[in-house]
C-alpha atoms as a PDB file:
ATOM      1  CA  MET A   1     120.295 115.034 105.740  1.00  0.00           C
ATOM      2  CA  THR A   2     122.296 112.235 104.188  1.00  0.00           C
ATOM      3  CA  PHE A   3     120.648 108.879 104.703  1.00  0.00           C
ATOM      4  CA  ASP A   4     122.027 105.390 104.514  1.00  0.00           C
ATOM      5  CA  PRO A   5     120.693 104.385 101.067  1.00  0.00           C
ATOM      6  CA  GLU A   6     119.326 101.159 102.521  1.00  0.00           C
ATOM      7  CA  LYS A   7     117.289 103.162 105.067  1.00  0.00           C
ATOM      8  CA  LEU A   8     115.935 105.851 102.733  1.00  0.00           C
ATOM      9  CA  ASP A   9     112.566 104.175 102.117  1.00  0.00           C
ATOM     10  CA  GLU A  10     112.177 103.687 105.857  1.00  0.00           C
ATOM     11  CA  PHE A  11     112.645 107.417 106.417  1.00  0.00           C
ATOM     12  CA  LEU A  12     110.257 108.360 103.604  1.00  0.00           C
ATOM     13  CA  LYS A  13     107.501 106.267 105.190  1.00  0.00           C
ATOM     14  CA  PHE A  14     108.292 107.706 108.610  1.00  0.00           C
ATOM     15  CA  PHE A  15     108.204 111.271 107.301  1.00  0.00           C
ATOM     16  CA  GLU A  16     104.837 110.716 105.615  1.00  0.00           C
ATOM     17  CA  SER A  17     103.417 109.446 108.898  1.00  0.00           C
ATOM     18  CA  SER A  18     104.897 112.432 110.821  1.00  0.00           C
ATOM     19  CA  LYS A  19     104.290 115.340 108.438  1.00  0.00           C
ATOM     20  CA  ALA A  20     100.710 116.092 109.521  1.00  0.00           C
ATOM     21  CA  LYS A  21     101.741 116.100 113.182  1.00  0.00           C
ATOM     22  CA  ILE A  22     104.577 118.549 112.474  1.00  0.00           C
ATOM     23  CA  GLN A  23     102.231 120.820 110.513  1.00  0.00           C
ATOM     24  CA  SER A  24      99.737 120.742 113.374  1.00  0.00           C
ATOM     25  CA  PHE A  25     102.179 122.448 115.749  1.00  0.00           C
ATOM     26  CA  GLU A  26     101.198 125.994 116.588  1.00  0.00           C
ATOM     27  CA  GLY A  27     102.954 128.447 114.293  1.00  0.00           C
ATOM     28  CA  CYS A  28     103.860 125.930 111.583  1.00  0.00           C
ATOM     29  CA  CYS A  29     102.752 127.188 108.182  1.00  0.00           C
ATOM     30  CA  LYS A  30     104.217 124.498 105.928  1.00  0.00           C
ATOM     31  CA  VAL A  31     106.590 121.523 105.827  1.00  0.00           C
ATOM     32  CA  ASP A  32     108.133 120.147 102.634  1.00  0.00           C
ATOM     33  CA  LEU A  33     110.590 117.343 101.987  1.00  0.00           C
ATOM     34  CA  MET A  34     113.013 117.923  99.130  1.00  0.00           C
ATOM     35  CA  GLN A  35     115.386 115.466  97.449  1.00  0.00           C
ATOM     36  CA  ASP A  36     118.694 116.202  95.743  1.00  0.00           C
ATOM     37  CA  VAL A  37     118.335 115.213  92.074  1.00  0.00           C
ATOM     38  CA  ALA A  38     121.965 114.053  91.905  1.00  0.00           C
ATOM     39  CA  GLN A  39     122.072 112.197  95.246  1.00  0.00           C
ATOM     40  CA  SER A  40     118.774 110.496  96.034  1.00  0.00           C
ATOM     41  CA  ASN A  41     119.802 109.778  99.638  1.00  0.00           C
ATOM     42  CA  GLN A  42     120.330 113.517 100.321  1.00  0.00           C
ATOM     43  CA  LEU A  43     117.092 115.052 101.644  1.00  0.00           C
ATOM     44  CA  TYR A  44     116.125 118.440 103.027  1.00  0.00           C
ATOM     45  CA  THR A  45     113.150 119.441 105.107  1.00  0.00           C
ATOM     46  CA  ILE A  46     111.972 122.986 104.612  1.00  0.00           C
ATOM     47  CA  SER A  47     109.570 124.254 107.211  1.00  0.00           C
ATOM     48  CA  ILE A  48     107.984 127.677 107.362  1.00  0.00           C
ATOM     49  CA  TRP A  49     107.094 129.035 110.806  1.00  0.00           C
ATOM     50  CA  GLU A  50     105.269 132.214 111.811  1.00  0.00           C
ATOM     51  CA  ASP A  51     108.402 133.159 113.750  1.00  0.00           C
ATOM     52  CA  GLU A  52     111.402 131.576 115.438  1.00  0.00           C
ATOM     53  CA  ARG A  53     109.598 131.429 118.785  1.00  0.00           C
ATOM     54  CA  TYR A  54     107.260 128.734 117.403  1.00  0.00           C
ATOM     55  CA  LEU A  55     110.130 126.843 115.813  1.00  0.00           C
ATOM     56  CA  ASN A  56     111.998 126.789 119.116  1.00  0.00           C
ATOM     57  CA  LYS A  57     108.872 125.597 120.925  1.00  0.00           C
ATOM     58  CA  TYR A  58     108.607 122.733 118.411  1.00  0.00           C
ATOM     59  CA  ARG A  59     112.302 121.900 118.791  1.00  0.00           C
ATOM     60  CA  SER A  60     111.862 121.611 122.564  1.00  0.00           C
ATOM     61  CA  SER A  61     108.851 119.282 122.266  1.00  0.00           C
ATOM     62  CA  GLU A  62     108.878 115.612 123.186  1.00  0.00           C
ATOM     63  CA  PHE A  63     107.615 114.822 119.672  1.00  0.00           C
ATOM     64  CA  PHE A  64     110.649 116.483 118.077  1.00  0.00           C
ATOM     65  CA  SER A  65     113.042 114.757 120.476  1.00  0.00           C
ATOM     66  CA  GLN A  66     111.652 111.325 119.658  1.00  0.00           C
ATOM     67  CA  THR A  67     111.402 112.028 115.927  1.00  0.00           C
ATOM     68  CA  TRP A  68     114.916 113.438 115.674  1.00  0.00           C
ATOM     69  CA  THR A  69     116.441 110.580 117.671  1.00  0.00           C
ATOM     70  CA  TYR A  70     114.857 108.050 115.325  1.00  0.00           C
ATOM     71  CA  THR A  71     115.734 110.017 112.176  1.00  0.00           C
ATOM     72  CA  LYS A  72     119.397 110.350 113.174  1.00  0.00           C
ATOM     73  CA  SER A  73     119.630 106.564 113.460  1.00  0.00           C
ATOM     74  CA  LEU A  74     119.013 106.381 109.691  1.00  0.00           C
ATOM     75  CA  PHE A  75     121.788 108.820 108.700  1.00  0.00           C
ATOM     76  CA  ALA A  76     124.915 107.995 106.771  1.00  0.00           C
ATOM     77  CA  ASP A  77     126.505 111.338 107.735  1.00  0.00           C
ATOM     78  CA  LYS A  78     126.049 114.146 110.261  1.00  0.00           C
ATOM     79  CA  ALA A  79     123.166 116.516 109.520  1.00  0.00           C
ATOM     80  CA  SER A  80     123.195 120.286 109.562  1.00  0.00           C
ATOM     81  CA  ALA A  81     120.439 122.834 110.039  1.00  0.00           C
ATOM     82  CA  VAL A  82     120.042 126.514 109.299  1.00  0.00           C
ATOM     83  CA  THR A  83     117.410 129.041 110.227  1.00  0.00           C
ATOM     84  CA  LEU A  84     116.670 131.602 107.536  1.00  0.00           C
ATOM     85  CA  GLU A  85     114.673 134.808 107.542  1.00  0.00           C
ATOM     86  CA  LYS A  86     112.963 136.204 104.470  1.00  0.00           C
ATOM     87  CA  ILE A  87     114.176 139.737 103.842  1.00  0.00           C
ATOM     88  CA  ALA A  88     112.626 140.542 100.467  1.00  0.00           C
END
């Protein structure tokens, strides 16, 4: 996610207040926020879920809808998402 540099601190505070709620969703094992060392306004969330079924349930929740709508308002560029599966 690429944030408007002037809105980065706002997102960091918002994420800190939301992280525990995200981790409390059934099937969520862990949520981390990572920052690009070369571009401080480029952030990545990495979440580990028991399986994709739980992730999809989270993505269809009212909490996610509200959180994502707010987060997108802080972007400087369009976000992308990928779903990965550990194979080794």
